[in-house]
N, C-alpha and C. Protein backbone atom coordinates (compact mmCIF):
# COMPACT_ATOMS: atom_id res chain seq x y z
N MET A 1 107.72 102.58 102.73
CA MET A 1 107.77 101.14 102.41
C MET A 1 107.18 100.35 103.71
N ASP A 2 106.43 99.40 103.53
CA ASP A 2 105.95 98.61 104.52
C ASP A 2 105.73 97.08 104.09
N SER A 3 105.45 96.20 105.01
CA SER A 3 105.29 94.86 104.64
C SER A 3 104.11 94.30 105.43
N PRO A 4 103.13 93.63 104.62
CA PRO A 4 102.01 93.00 105.32
C PRO A 4 102.25 91.62 105.97
N ARG A 5 103.34 91.06 105.63
CA ARG A 5 103.75 89.69 106.23
C ARG A 5 105.12 89.55 106.27
N PRO A 6 105.66 88.54 107.02
CA PRO A 6 107.08 88.51 107.28
C PRO A 6 107.86 88.29 105.86
N THR A 7 108.93 88.78 105.75
CA THR A 7 109.84 88.46 104.59
C THR A 7 110.88 87.35 104.89
N PRO A 8 111.45 86.90 103.84
CA PRO A 8 112.52 85.80 104.09
C PRO A 8 113.51 86.29 105.14
N PHE A 9 113.83 87.61 105.08
CA PHE A 9 114.82 88.09 106.01
C PHE A 9 114.35 87.87 107.46
N ASP A 10 113.13 88.25 107.71
CA ASP A 10 112.52 87.94 109.10
C ASP A 10 112.54 86.39 109.45
N LEU A 11 112.19 85.67 108.52
CA LEU A 11 112.07 84.19 108.87
C LEU A 11 113.38 83.56 108.89
N VAL A 12 114.39 83.84 108.21
CA VAL A 12 115.60 83.20 108.16
C VAL A 12 116.67 83.71 109.25
N PHE A 13 116.68 85.16 109.20
CA PHE A 13 117.75 85.90 109.99
C PHE A 13 117.10 86.17 111.42
N GLY A 14 116.00 86.96 111.37
CA GLY A 14 115.44 87.46 112.56
C GLY A 14 116.34 88.16 113.42
N PRO A 15 116.42 87.80 114.77
CA PRO A 15 117.38 88.43 115.68
C PRO A 15 118.72 88.23 115.53
N LEU A 16 119.14 87.13 114.61
CA LEU A 16 120.51 86.82 114.28
C LEU A 16 121.17 88.10 113.63
N ALA A 17 120.45 88.88 112.76
CA ALA A 17 120.99 90.01 112.16
C ALA A 17 121.61 91.10 112.99
N GLU A 18 120.79 91.26 114.09
CA GLU A 18 121.18 92.37 115.13
C GLU A 18 122.37 91.83 115.91
N GLU A 19 122.52 90.52 115.96
CA GLU A 19 123.69 89.96 116.90
C GLU A 19 124.90 89.98 115.88
N ARG A 20 124.84 89.66 114.78
CA ARG A 20 125.98 89.42 113.78
C ARG A 20 126.38 90.50 112.85
N PHE A 21 125.51 91.22 112.33
CA PHE A 21 125.69 92.17 111.16
C PHE A 21 126.44 93.54 111.74
N PRO A 22 126.19 93.97 112.96
CA PRO A 22 126.99 95.22 113.30
C PRO A 22 128.48 94.99 113.24
N SER A 23 129.00 93.83 113.60
CA SER A 23 130.44 93.67 113.60
C SER A 23 131.02 93.66 112.13
N ILE A 24 130.13 93.23 111.22
CA ILE A 24 130.44 93.19 109.74
C ILE A 24 130.36 94.71 109.25
N ARG A 25 129.53 95.51 109.67
CA ARG A 25 129.47 96.80 109.30
C ARG A 25 130.76 97.58 109.80
N SER A 26 131.08 97.26 111.15
CA SER A 26 132.24 97.92 111.69
C SER A 26 133.71 97.56 110.95
N ALA A 27 133.67 96.35 110.48
CA ALA A 27 135.01 95.94 109.72
C ALA A 27 134.87 96.72 108.26
N PHE A 28 133.70 96.91 107.66
CA PHE A 28 133.64 97.60 106.48
C PHE A 28 134.04 99.10 106.71
N ASP A 29 133.46 99.62 107.76
CA ASP A 29 133.81 101.12 108.10
C ASP A 29 135.33 101.24 108.32
N ALA A 30 135.89 100.23 108.97
CA ALA A 30 137.39 100.41 109.40
C ALA A 30 138.26 100.26 108.08
N SER A 31 137.71 99.39 107.14
CA SER A 31 138.59 99.20 105.96
C SER A 31 138.15 100.26 104.85
N GLN A 32 137.07 101.04 104.96
CA GLN A 32 136.39 101.90 104.13
C GLN A 32 136.20 101.21 102.77
N GLY A 33 135.80 99.94 102.94
CA GLY A 33 135.46 99.12 101.63
C GLY A 33 133.99 99.36 101.24
N ASP A 34 133.61 98.77 100.05
CA ASP A 34 132.16 98.86 99.68
C ASP A 34 131.44 97.73 99.98
N PRO A 35 130.45 97.71 100.73
CA PRO A 35 129.64 96.60 101.14
C PRO A 35 129.01 95.92 99.99
N ARG A 36 128.77 96.61 98.88
CA ARG A 36 128.25 96.06 97.79
C ARG A 36 129.16 94.96 97.00
N ASP A 37 130.56 95.07 97.30
CA ASP A 37 131.44 94.22 96.73
C ASP A 37 131.32 92.81 97.32
N ARG A 38 130.85 91.86 96.42
CA ARG A 38 130.49 90.46 97.00
C ARG A 38 131.73 89.81 97.32
N ASP A 39 132.88 90.02 96.63
CA ASP A 39 134.01 89.15 96.97
C ASP A 39 134.66 89.73 98.21
N ALA A 40 134.65 91.11 98.39
CA ALA A 40 135.23 91.66 99.68
C ALA A 40 134.41 91.21 100.83
N PHE A 41 132.92 91.26 100.67
CA PHE A 41 132.15 90.74 101.68
C PHE A 41 132.39 89.30 102.19
N LEU A 42 132.52 88.49 101.22
CA LEU A 42 132.74 87.09 101.55
C LEU A 42 134.09 86.80 102.12
N MET A 43 135.02 87.70 102.06
CA MET A 43 136.33 87.53 102.68
C MET A 43 136.38 87.99 104.09
N MET A 44 135.42 88.81 104.53
CA MET A 44 135.38 89.22 105.97
C MET A 44 135.43 88.13 106.87
N ARG A 45 136.11 88.15 107.97
CA ARG A 45 136.27 87.08 108.94
C ARG A 45 134.93 86.66 109.56
N ASP A 46 134.12 87.72 109.95
CA ASP A 46 132.82 87.53 110.56
C ASP A 46 131.78 86.87 109.52
N VAL A 47 132.01 87.33 108.23
CA VAL A 47 131.02 86.61 107.29
C VAL A 47 131.47 85.18 107.12
N VAL A 48 132.67 85.02 106.96
CA VAL A 48 133.18 83.51 106.83
C VAL A 48 132.67 82.69 107.97
N GLN A 49 132.64 83.18 109.24
CA GLN A 49 132.15 82.43 110.37
C GLN A 49 130.71 82.39 110.44
N LEU A 50 129.95 83.34 109.83
CA LEU A 50 128.49 83.23 109.86
C LEU A 50 128.01 82.36 108.71
N VAL A 51 128.72 82.13 107.68
CA VAL A 51 128.35 81.20 106.69
C VAL A 51 128.57 79.89 107.15
N HIS A 52 129.59 79.67 107.87
CA HIS A 52 129.98 78.39 108.56
C HIS A 52 128.78 78.04 109.49
N ASP A 53 128.34 79.04 110.25
CA ASP A 53 127.30 78.67 111.33
C ASP A 53 126.04 78.37 110.66
N LEU A 54 125.71 78.92 109.53
CA LEU A 54 124.46 78.90 108.93
C LEU A 54 124.28 77.57 108.00
N ARG A 55 125.54 77.08 107.77
CA ARG A 55 125.57 75.79 106.73
C ARG A 55 125.24 74.61 107.63
N PRO A 56 124.19 73.74 106.99
CA PRO A 56 123.91 72.63 107.82
C PRO A 56 125.03 71.69 107.86
N ASP A 57 125.03 70.66 108.92
CA ASP A 57 126.03 69.82 109.24
C ASP A 57 126.36 68.86 107.98
N GLU A 58 125.40 68.71 107.22
CA GLU A 58 125.82 67.78 106.25
C GLU A 58 126.34 68.32 105.02
N GLY A 59 126.61 69.66 105.03
CA GLY A 59 127.10 70.40 103.94
C GLY A 59 126.10 70.81 102.90
N MET A 60 126.62 71.58 101.88
CA MET A 60 125.58 72.15 100.87
C MET A 60 125.92 72.02 99.38
N GLY A 61 127.18 71.59 99.22
CA GLY A 61 127.70 71.45 97.80
C GLY A 61 127.48 72.78 97.11
N GLU A 62 127.01 72.80 95.98
CA GLU A 62 126.82 74.05 95.10
C GLU A 62 125.95 74.86 95.66
N GLU A 63 124.99 74.59 96.61
CA GLU A 63 124.09 75.37 97.16
C GLU A 63 124.77 76.41 98.14
N ILE A 64 126.07 76.23 98.51
CA ILE A 64 126.77 77.27 99.34
C ILE A 64 126.75 78.61 98.72
N GLY A 65 126.88 78.52 97.34
CA GLY A 65 126.73 79.90 96.65
C GLY A 65 125.47 80.56 96.77
N GLN A 66 124.38 79.86 96.87
CA GLN A 66 123.16 80.50 97.09
C GLN A 66 122.94 81.02 98.50
N LEU A 67 123.54 80.31 99.44
CA LEU A 67 123.63 80.85 100.77
C LEU A 67 124.48 82.06 100.79
N ALA A 68 125.60 82.15 100.13
CA ALA A 68 126.45 83.36 100.25
C ALA A 68 125.68 84.61 99.63
N ALA A 69 125.01 84.35 98.52
CA ALA A 69 124.23 85.39 97.76
C ALA A 69 123.04 85.84 98.80
N PHE A 70 122.38 85.02 99.44
CA PHE A 70 121.32 85.25 100.35
C PHE A 70 121.77 86.12 101.39
N LEU A 71 122.88 85.71 101.98
CA LEU A 71 123.51 86.40 103.21
C LEU A 71 123.87 87.73 102.61
N HIS A 72 124.50 87.95 101.60
CA HIS A 72 125.00 89.23 101.15
C HIS A 72 123.82 90.22 100.95
N HIS A 73 122.74 89.77 100.30
CA HIS A 73 121.52 90.55 100.02
C HIS A 73 120.93 90.89 101.43
N ALA A 74 120.81 89.95 102.33
CA ALA A 74 120.23 90.10 103.61
C ALA A 74 121.00 91.30 104.32
N TYR A 75 122.38 91.41 104.20
CA TYR A 75 123.15 92.25 104.92
C TYR A 75 122.81 93.68 104.31
N LEU A 76 122.87 93.74 102.87
CA LEU A 76 122.62 95.01 102.30
C LEU A 76 121.22 95.55 102.69
N PHE A 77 120.24 94.45 102.80
CA PHE A 77 118.91 94.98 103.08
C PHE A 77 118.83 95.51 104.56
N TRP A 78 119.60 94.90 105.39
CA TRP A 78 119.81 95.37 106.83
C TRP A 78 120.36 96.68 106.99
N LEU A 79 121.53 96.85 106.20
CA LEU A 79 122.20 98.07 106.16
C LEU A 79 121.42 99.17 105.69
N ALA A 80 120.46 99.01 104.93
CA ALA A 80 119.72 99.99 104.22
C ALA A 80 118.44 100.32 105.10
N GLY A 81 118.19 99.65 106.33
CA GLY A 81 117.16 99.82 107.20
C GLY A 81 116.00 98.93 106.95
N THR A 82 116.19 97.73 106.19
CA THR A 82 115.09 96.64 105.94
C THR A 82 113.91 97.30 105.32
N PRO A 83 114.05 98.18 104.25
CA PRO A 83 112.77 98.62 103.47
C PRO A 83 112.21 97.68 102.74
N THR A 84 110.88 97.47 102.76
CA THR A 84 110.13 96.54 102.00
C THR A 84 109.09 97.20 101.24
N LEU A 85 109.09 96.94 99.98
CA LEU A 85 107.91 97.48 99.04
C LEU A 85 106.91 96.41 98.84
N ALA A 86 105.59 96.46 99.34
CA ALA A 86 104.69 95.57 99.28
C ALA A 86 103.81 96.01 97.94
N ILE A 87 103.91 95.17 96.93
CA ILE A 87 103.27 95.52 95.68
C ILE A 87 101.79 94.99 95.91
N THR A 88 101.01 96.05 95.36
CA THR A 88 99.45 95.75 95.49
C THR A 88 99.04 94.85 94.26
N PRO A 89 97.97 94.14 94.27
CA PRO A 89 97.49 93.41 92.98
C PRO A 89 97.37 94.15 91.79
N ALA A 90 97.02 95.40 91.95
CA ALA A 90 96.76 96.37 90.80
C ALA A 90 98.21 96.66 90.16
N GLU A 91 99.12 96.92 91.11
CA GLU A 91 100.47 97.26 90.79
C GLU A 91 101.16 96.04 90.07
N LEU A 92 100.99 94.88 90.57
CA LEU A 92 101.45 93.65 89.88
C LEU A 92 100.93 93.44 88.48
N THR A 93 99.74 93.76 88.29
CA THR A 93 99.13 93.75 86.95
C THR A 93 99.89 94.54 85.91
N GLY A 94 100.24 95.69 86.54
CA GLY A 94 100.96 96.72 85.65
C GLY A 94 102.26 96.17 85.37
N LEU A 95 103.08 95.71 86.41
CA LEU A 95 104.35 95.22 86.16
C LEU A 95 104.51 93.96 85.22
N LEU A 96 103.40 93.23 85.16
CA LEU A 96 103.49 91.94 84.38
C LEU A 96 102.98 92.04 83.03
N ARG A 97 102.76 93.29 82.63
CA ARG A 97 102.28 93.54 81.26
C ARG A 97 103.42 93.08 80.26
N PRO A 98 103.08 92.36 79.18
CA PRO A 98 104.11 91.92 78.24
C PRO A 98 105.14 93.12 77.72
N GLU A 99 104.45 94.38 77.44
CA GLU A 99 105.13 95.51 76.92
C GLU A 99 105.80 96.11 78.20
N THR A 100 106.92 96.85 77.95
CA THR A 100 107.62 97.51 79.03
C THR A 100 106.83 98.68 79.54
N PRO A 101 106.52 98.69 80.93
CA PRO A 101 105.81 99.83 81.42
C PRO A 101 106.52 101.11 81.19
N ALA A 102 105.78 102.15 81.01
CA ALA A 102 106.38 103.59 81.06
C ALA A 102 107.15 103.76 82.39
N SER A 103 108.32 104.35 82.39
CA SER A 103 109.02 104.52 83.56
C SER A 103 108.45 105.71 84.46
N GLY A 104 108.05 105.42 85.64
CA GLY A 104 107.56 106.45 86.53
C GLY A 104 108.43 106.81 87.58
N GLU A 105 109.69 106.55 87.41
CA GLU A 105 110.65 106.82 88.45
C GLU A 105 110.87 108.17 88.56
N THR A 106 110.76 108.72 89.93
CA THR A 106 110.99 110.23 90.11
C THR A 106 111.90 110.52 91.13
N ALA A 107 112.36 109.50 91.83
CA ALA A 107 113.46 109.56 92.93
C ALA A 107 114.20 108.36 93.06
N PRO A 108 115.35 108.42 93.50
CA PRO A 108 116.19 107.13 93.63
C PRO A 108 115.60 106.16 94.66
N PRO A 109 115.37 104.97 94.44
CA PRO A 109 114.87 104.06 95.59
C PRO A 109 116.03 103.81 96.52
N PRO A 110 115.64 103.17 97.59
CA PRO A 110 116.70 102.84 98.54
C PRO A 110 117.82 102.07 97.89
N PRO A 111 119.00 102.12 98.46
CA PRO A 111 120.12 101.31 97.74
C PRO A 111 119.86 99.74 97.68
N ALA A 112 119.14 99.24 98.61
CA ALA A 112 118.75 97.87 98.77
C ALA A 112 117.35 97.81 99.42
N PHE A 113 116.55 96.76 98.81
CA PHE A 113 115.13 96.71 99.58
C PHE A 113 114.58 95.41 99.06
N TYR A 114 113.47 94.94 99.67
CA TYR A 114 112.80 93.77 99.28
C TYR A 114 111.45 94.06 98.60
N VAL A 115 111.14 93.51 97.56
CA VAL A 115 109.82 93.61 96.95
C VAL A 115 108.94 92.38 97.16
N GLN A 116 107.84 92.61 97.89
CA GLN A 116 106.98 91.49 98.26
C GLN A 116 105.65 91.51 97.37
N LEU A 117 105.57 90.41 96.75
CA LEU A 117 104.52 90.35 95.80
C LEU A 117 103.26 89.67 96.45
N PRO A 118 102.01 90.00 95.92
CA PRO A 118 100.86 89.27 96.46
C PRO A 118 101.09 87.82 96.38
N GLU A 119 100.55 87.05 97.26
CA GLU A 119 100.83 85.65 97.36
C GLU A 119 100.34 84.78 96.28
N ARG A 120 101.19 83.89 95.83
CA ARG A 120 100.85 82.80 94.86
C ARG A 120 100.19 83.28 93.66
N ARG A 121 100.87 84.47 93.13
CA ARG A 121 100.41 85.03 91.89
C ARG A 121 101.42 84.73 90.83
N VAL A 122 102.71 84.68 91.15
CA VAL A 122 103.71 84.58 90.11
C VAL A 122 104.38 83.22 90.52
N TRP A 123 104.65 82.24 89.45
CA TRP A 123 105.28 81.07 89.57
C TRP A 123 106.42 80.73 88.74
N ALA A 124 107.31 79.79 89.16
CA ALA A 124 108.55 79.53 88.28
C ALA A 124 108.88 78.01 88.60
N GLU A 125 109.39 77.29 87.58
CA GLU A 125 109.91 75.96 87.80
C GLU A 125 111.47 76.22 88.17
N VAL A 126 111.76 76.34 89.39
CA VAL A 126 112.95 76.69 89.91
C VAL A 126 113.99 75.65 89.64
N VAL A 127 113.68 74.37 89.81
CA VAL A 127 114.38 73.11 89.58
C VAL A 127 113.86 72.46 88.32
N ALA A 128 114.67 72.24 87.30
CA ALA A 128 114.07 71.57 86.12
C ALA A 128 113.33 70.20 86.55
N GLY A 129 112.25 70.08 85.93
CA GLY A 129 111.51 68.90 86.30
C GLY A 129 110.61 68.76 87.50
N ALA A 130 110.87 69.78 88.44
CA ALA A 130 110.29 69.80 89.74
C ALA A 130 109.01 70.51 89.62
N SER A 131 108.28 70.49 90.63
CA SER A 131 107.06 71.27 90.70
C SER A 131 107.23 72.72 90.72
N HIS A 132 106.46 73.57 90.11
CA HIS A 132 106.53 75.05 90.15
C HIS A 132 106.33 75.52 91.56
N GLU A 133 107.08 76.53 91.82
CA GLU A 133 107.00 77.16 93.19
C GLU A 133 106.52 78.78 93.11
N PRO A 134 105.85 79.17 94.02
CA PRO A 134 105.34 80.64 94.11
C PRO A 134 106.55 81.60 94.38
N LEU A 135 106.53 82.70 93.86
CA LEU A 135 107.38 83.65 94.17
C LEU A 135 106.91 84.69 95.25
N ASP A 136 107.54 84.66 96.41
CA ASP A 136 107.20 85.48 97.47
C ASP A 136 107.49 86.92 97.14
N GLY A 137 108.77 87.07 96.51
CA GLY A 137 109.37 88.41 96.36
C GLY A 137 110.84 88.30 96.02
N CYS A 138 111.52 89.53 95.81
CA CYS A 138 112.89 89.68 95.36
C CYS A 138 113.52 90.75 96.27
N PHE A 139 114.90 90.34 96.63
CA PHE A 139 115.85 91.44 97.18
C PHE A 139 116.42 91.93 96.07
N LEU A 140 116.47 93.49 95.98
CA LEU A 140 117.14 94.19 94.91
C LEU A 140 118.17 94.97 95.36
N ALA A 141 119.35 95.10 94.76
CA ALA A 141 120.47 95.93 95.17
C ALA A 141 121.17 96.38 93.95
N LEU A 142 121.49 97.50 93.77
CA LEU A 142 122.40 98.02 92.70
C LEU A 142 123.77 97.48 92.72
N ASP A 143 124.29 97.11 91.62
CA ASP A 143 125.75 96.46 91.48
C ASP A 143 126.37 97.21 90.42
N GLY A 144 126.91 98.47 90.88
CA GLY A 144 127.33 99.47 89.84
C GLY A 144 126.26 100.39 89.38
N ALA A 145 126.70 101.20 88.41
CA ALA A 145 125.88 102.27 87.96
C ALA A 145 124.67 101.84 87.06
N ALA A 146 124.84 100.67 86.41
CA ALA A 146 123.75 100.13 85.63
C ALA A 146 123.49 98.68 85.68
N SER A 147 123.80 98.20 86.78
CA SER A 147 123.57 96.64 86.94
C SER A 147 122.81 96.51 88.24
N LEU A 148 121.91 95.47 88.14
CA LEU A 148 121.07 95.32 89.20
C LEU A 148 121.24 93.75 89.63
N ARG A 149 121.32 93.46 90.97
CA ARG A 149 121.34 92.28 91.57
C ARG A 149 119.80 91.91 92.06
N VAL A 150 119.41 90.76 91.52
CA VAL A 150 118.03 90.34 91.97
C VAL A 150 118.05 88.94 92.64
N LEU A 151 117.69 88.87 93.84
CA LEU A 151 117.64 87.52 94.45
C LEU A 151 116.08 87.19 94.76
N ALA A 152 115.67 86.26 94.15
CA ALA A 152 114.20 85.83 94.23
C ALA A 152 114.04 84.80 95.13
N ALA A 153 112.98 84.96 96.08
CA ALA A 153 112.78 83.95 97.18
C ALA A 153 111.45 83.24 96.69
N PHE A 154 111.63 81.80 96.35
CA PHE A 154 110.40 81.03 95.96
C PHE A 154 110.07 79.98 97.13
N GLY A 155 108.82 79.61 97.17
CA GLY A 155 108.37 78.45 97.94
C GLY A 155 108.38 78.72 99.41
N LEU A 156 108.12 80.08 99.81
CA LEU A 156 108.12 80.45 101.14
C LEU A 156 106.79 80.21 101.75
N ARG A 157 106.67 79.24 102.73
CA ARG A 157 105.37 79.03 103.41
C ARG A 157 105.46 78.44 104.82
N PRO A 158 104.49 78.68 105.62
CA PRO A 158 104.72 78.28 107.17
C PRO A 158 105.13 76.85 107.30
N ASP A 159 104.69 76.06 106.51
CA ASP A 159 104.95 74.40 106.75
C ASP A 159 106.26 74.03 106.15
N ARG A 160 106.89 74.88 105.69
CA ARG A 160 108.40 74.50 105.08
C ARG A 160 109.46 75.10 105.74
N PRO A 161 110.40 74.34 106.24
CA PRO A 161 111.55 74.97 106.97
C PRO A 161 112.58 75.90 106.27
N GLY A 162 112.43 75.83 104.85
CA GLY A 162 113.57 76.64 104.11
C GLY A 162 112.73 77.26 102.88
N LEU A 163 113.51 77.70 101.94
CA LEU A 163 113.02 78.27 100.73
C LEU A 163 113.99 78.08 99.69
N SER A 164 113.56 78.42 98.36
CA SER A 164 114.46 78.28 97.21
C SER A 164 114.81 79.75 96.85
N VAL A 165 116.19 79.87 96.51
CA VAL A 165 116.57 81.26 96.21
C VAL A 165 117.27 81.08 94.72
N VAL A 166 117.04 82.25 93.98
CA VAL A 166 117.71 82.28 92.60
C VAL A 166 118.16 83.62 92.38
N GLU A 167 119.40 83.89 91.95
CA GLU A 167 120.05 85.14 91.79
C GLU A 167 120.30 85.40 90.37
N VAL A 168 119.90 86.56 89.86
CA VAL A 168 120.44 87.03 88.58
C VAL A 168 120.93 88.47 88.74
N ALA A 169 121.76 88.94 87.79
CA ALA A 169 122.35 90.28 87.88
C ALA A 169 122.71 90.68 86.47
N GLY A 170 122.63 92.03 86.32
CA GLY A 170 123.01 92.62 85.19
C GLY A 170 122.17 93.80 84.74
N PRO A 171 122.62 94.49 83.59
CA PRO A 171 121.85 95.53 83.01
C PRO A 171 120.45 95.17 82.65
N ARG A 172 119.56 96.18 82.47
CA ARG A 172 118.20 95.80 82.07
C ARG A 172 118.32 95.28 80.61
N PRO A 173 117.55 94.07 80.64
CA PRO A 173 117.40 93.33 79.21
C PRO A 173 116.76 94.22 78.22
N SER A 174 117.24 94.12 76.97
CA SER A 174 116.54 94.84 75.94
C SER A 174 115.89 93.74 74.90
N ARG A 175 114.81 94.21 74.26
CA ARG A 175 114.14 93.49 73.25
C ARG A 175 114.04 92.16 73.81
N LEU A 176 113.58 91.92 75.00
CA LEU A 176 113.26 90.54 75.56
C LEU A 176 112.13 89.82 75.01
N ALA A 177 112.24 88.67 74.61
CA ALA A 177 111.13 87.81 74.27
C ALA A 177 111.36 86.44 74.43
N ARG A 178 110.26 85.69 74.77
CA ARG A 178 110.45 84.23 74.93
C ARG A 178 110.61 83.46 73.71
N PRO A 179 111.40 82.35 73.74
CA PRO A 179 111.76 81.69 72.44
C PRO A 179 110.41 80.98 71.87
N ASP A 180 109.48 80.59 72.77
CA ASP A 180 108.24 80.02 72.08
C ASP A 180 107.21 81.03 71.53
N GLY A 181 107.63 82.34 71.75
CA GLY A 181 106.57 83.28 71.16
C GLY A 181 105.55 83.75 72.15
N THR A 182 105.41 83.15 73.33
CA THR A 182 104.31 83.53 74.36
C THR A 182 104.85 84.78 74.84
N PRO A 183 103.78 85.67 75.32
CA PRO A 183 104.14 86.88 76.12
C PRO A 183 104.94 86.75 77.20
N LEU A 184 105.67 87.74 77.62
CA LEU A 184 106.41 87.85 78.88
C LEU A 184 105.56 87.60 79.98
N PHE A 185 106.00 86.77 80.92
CA PHE A 185 105.13 86.55 82.24
C PHE A 185 103.78 85.81 81.99
N ALA A 186 103.61 85.33 80.80
CA ALA A 186 102.35 84.55 80.61
C ALA A 186 102.49 83.24 81.38
N PRO A 187 101.32 82.66 81.90
CA PRO A 187 101.42 81.58 82.68
C PRO A 187 101.86 80.33 82.00
N ALA A 188 102.72 79.58 82.68
CA ALA A 188 103.15 78.24 82.22
C ALA A 188 102.51 77.05 82.96
N LEU A 189 101.86 77.34 83.97
CA LEU A 189 101.03 76.37 84.57
C LEU A 189 99.59 76.10 83.93
N GLU A 190 99.29 74.88 83.85
CA GLU A 190 98.00 74.47 83.23
C GLU A 190 97.00 75.18 84.02
N GLY A 191 95.99 75.81 83.49
CA GLY A 191 94.94 76.54 83.93
C GLY A 191 95.35 77.83 84.71
N GLY A 192 96.51 78.38 84.46
CA GLY A 192 97.04 79.51 85.02
C GLY A 192 96.42 80.76 84.57
N ALA A 193 96.00 80.90 83.28
CA ALA A 193 95.41 82.16 82.63
C ALA A 193 94.06 82.40 83.44
N PRO A 194 93.13 81.57 83.31
CA PRO A 194 91.88 81.89 84.10
C PRO A 194 91.95 82.17 85.57
N ALA A 195 93.09 81.61 86.11
CA ALA A 195 93.19 81.81 87.66
C ALA A 195 93.92 83.13 87.79
N GLY A 196 94.37 83.75 86.80
CA GLY A 196 95.06 85.08 86.96
C GLY A 196 96.49 84.87 87.34
N LEU A 197 97.09 83.80 87.01
CA LEU A 197 98.47 83.54 87.41
C LEU A 197 99.40 84.04 86.37
N ALA A 198 100.73 84.23 86.85
CA ALA A 198 101.90 84.55 85.82
C ALA A 198 102.95 83.66 86.06
N SER A 199 103.97 83.53 85.07
CA SER A 199 105.13 82.67 85.30
C SER A 199 106.41 83.47 84.87
N ILE A 200 107.47 83.04 85.48
CA ILE A 200 108.85 83.56 85.04
C ILE A 200 109.40 82.30 84.40
N THR A 201 109.90 82.44 83.26
CA THR A 201 110.48 81.16 82.50
C THR A 201 111.89 81.19 82.25
N GLY A 202 112.61 82.27 82.88
CA GLY A 202 114.20 82.34 82.72
C GLY A 202 114.83 83.56 83.41
N GLY A 203 116.09 83.42 83.55
CA GLY A 203 116.69 84.36 84.24
C GLY A 203 116.59 85.96 83.82
N GLU A 204 116.41 86.06 82.37
CA GLU A 204 116.29 87.38 81.92
C GLU A 204 114.96 87.80 82.33
N GLU A 205 113.92 87.02 82.30
CA GLU A 205 112.61 87.51 82.63
C GLU A 205 112.64 87.90 84.08
N LEU A 206 113.16 87.24 84.94
CA LEU A 206 113.40 87.59 86.37
C LEU A 206 114.03 88.79 86.48
N LEU A 207 115.18 89.00 85.73
CA LEU A 207 115.91 90.28 85.87
C LEU A 207 115.02 91.56 85.30
N GLU A 208 114.30 91.35 84.36
CA GLU A 208 113.35 92.39 83.86
C GLU A 208 112.28 92.66 84.94
N LEU A 209 111.69 91.66 85.57
CA LEU A 209 110.79 91.92 86.71
C LEU A 209 111.52 92.73 87.82
N GLY A 210 112.79 92.44 88.08
CA GLY A 210 113.43 93.20 88.99
C GLY A 210 113.57 94.67 88.79
N TRP A 211 113.89 95.00 87.46
CA TRP A 211 114.11 96.37 86.99
C TRP A 211 112.85 97.13 87.04
N ARG A 212 111.61 96.34 86.69
CA ARG A 212 110.40 96.99 86.70
C ARG A 212 109.99 97.28 88.13
N ALA A 213 110.30 96.49 88.94
CA ALA A 213 110.07 96.77 90.42
C ALA A 213 110.95 97.85 90.97
N TRP A 214 112.21 98.00 90.54
CA TRP A 214 113.06 99.11 90.91
C TRP A 214 112.58 100.48 90.47
N SER A 215 112.05 100.48 89.13
CA SER A 215 111.39 101.73 88.71
C SER A 215 110.09 102.00 89.55
N LEU A 216 109.32 101.06 89.95
CA LEU A 216 108.06 101.34 90.68
C LEU A 216 108.53 101.86 91.98
N ALA A 217 109.58 101.34 92.62
CA ALA A 217 110.00 101.92 93.97
C ALA A 217 110.64 103.30 93.90
N GLY A 218 111.06 103.67 92.70
CA GLY A 218 111.37 105.04 92.51
C GLY A 218 110.22 105.90 92.38
N ALA A 219 109.24 105.47 91.62
CA ALA A 219 107.90 106.32 91.57
C ALA A 219 107.33 106.34 92.93
N ARG A 220 107.44 105.24 93.78
CA ARG A 220 106.79 105.46 95.19
C ARG A 220 107.65 106.41 96.04
N SER A 221 108.85 106.45 95.77
CA SER A 221 109.68 107.41 96.62
C SER A 221 109.58 108.86 96.21
N GLY A 222 109.13 109.15 95.03
CA GLY A 222 108.86 110.43 94.70
C GLY A 222 107.84 111.25 95.23
């Protein structure tokens, strides 16, 4: 796995991870706890302090949950060795087919990794009524035997100090269909089809994309 451009982990955490994450790992090792346990992770003293340090002075309100989710995914990504799966344009075309792709998984993927998509190909209305934002990629981590956590990073660009994150989790959706009858991942942006764009219109669609990327990572690992 490799990455052609910086990930949200690189841009948000950078050297901070090497300064602060080893003590969290030591605490989990001492307690023999499972770092995938979100509740246990957020109760760690070093994690509580890190959330406090990362929170802006004016506070975050409900966004504190997004920060906690991002931090947990970042830690699991770091713990796994920061593996990044860079999706090629051809692979993305296969992932976005309305029908479920045939599973090519031949080996277990890393326990946590980042899937980086070709730039500005997949879009979503992250905040209702606001402009659509491009999906840079997703952090993926197993949450139990048949449940996947997907943290999507939207709106990542050099001239923006932050980004938008959305987390979904669960088993792979079955018989997924859009309420309006349009195909999965069909563009919702005007002029999106001729431009070769795709859209995510709900949490289950994002979760399905995460599961498809998980299978692709398994095929790459085999």
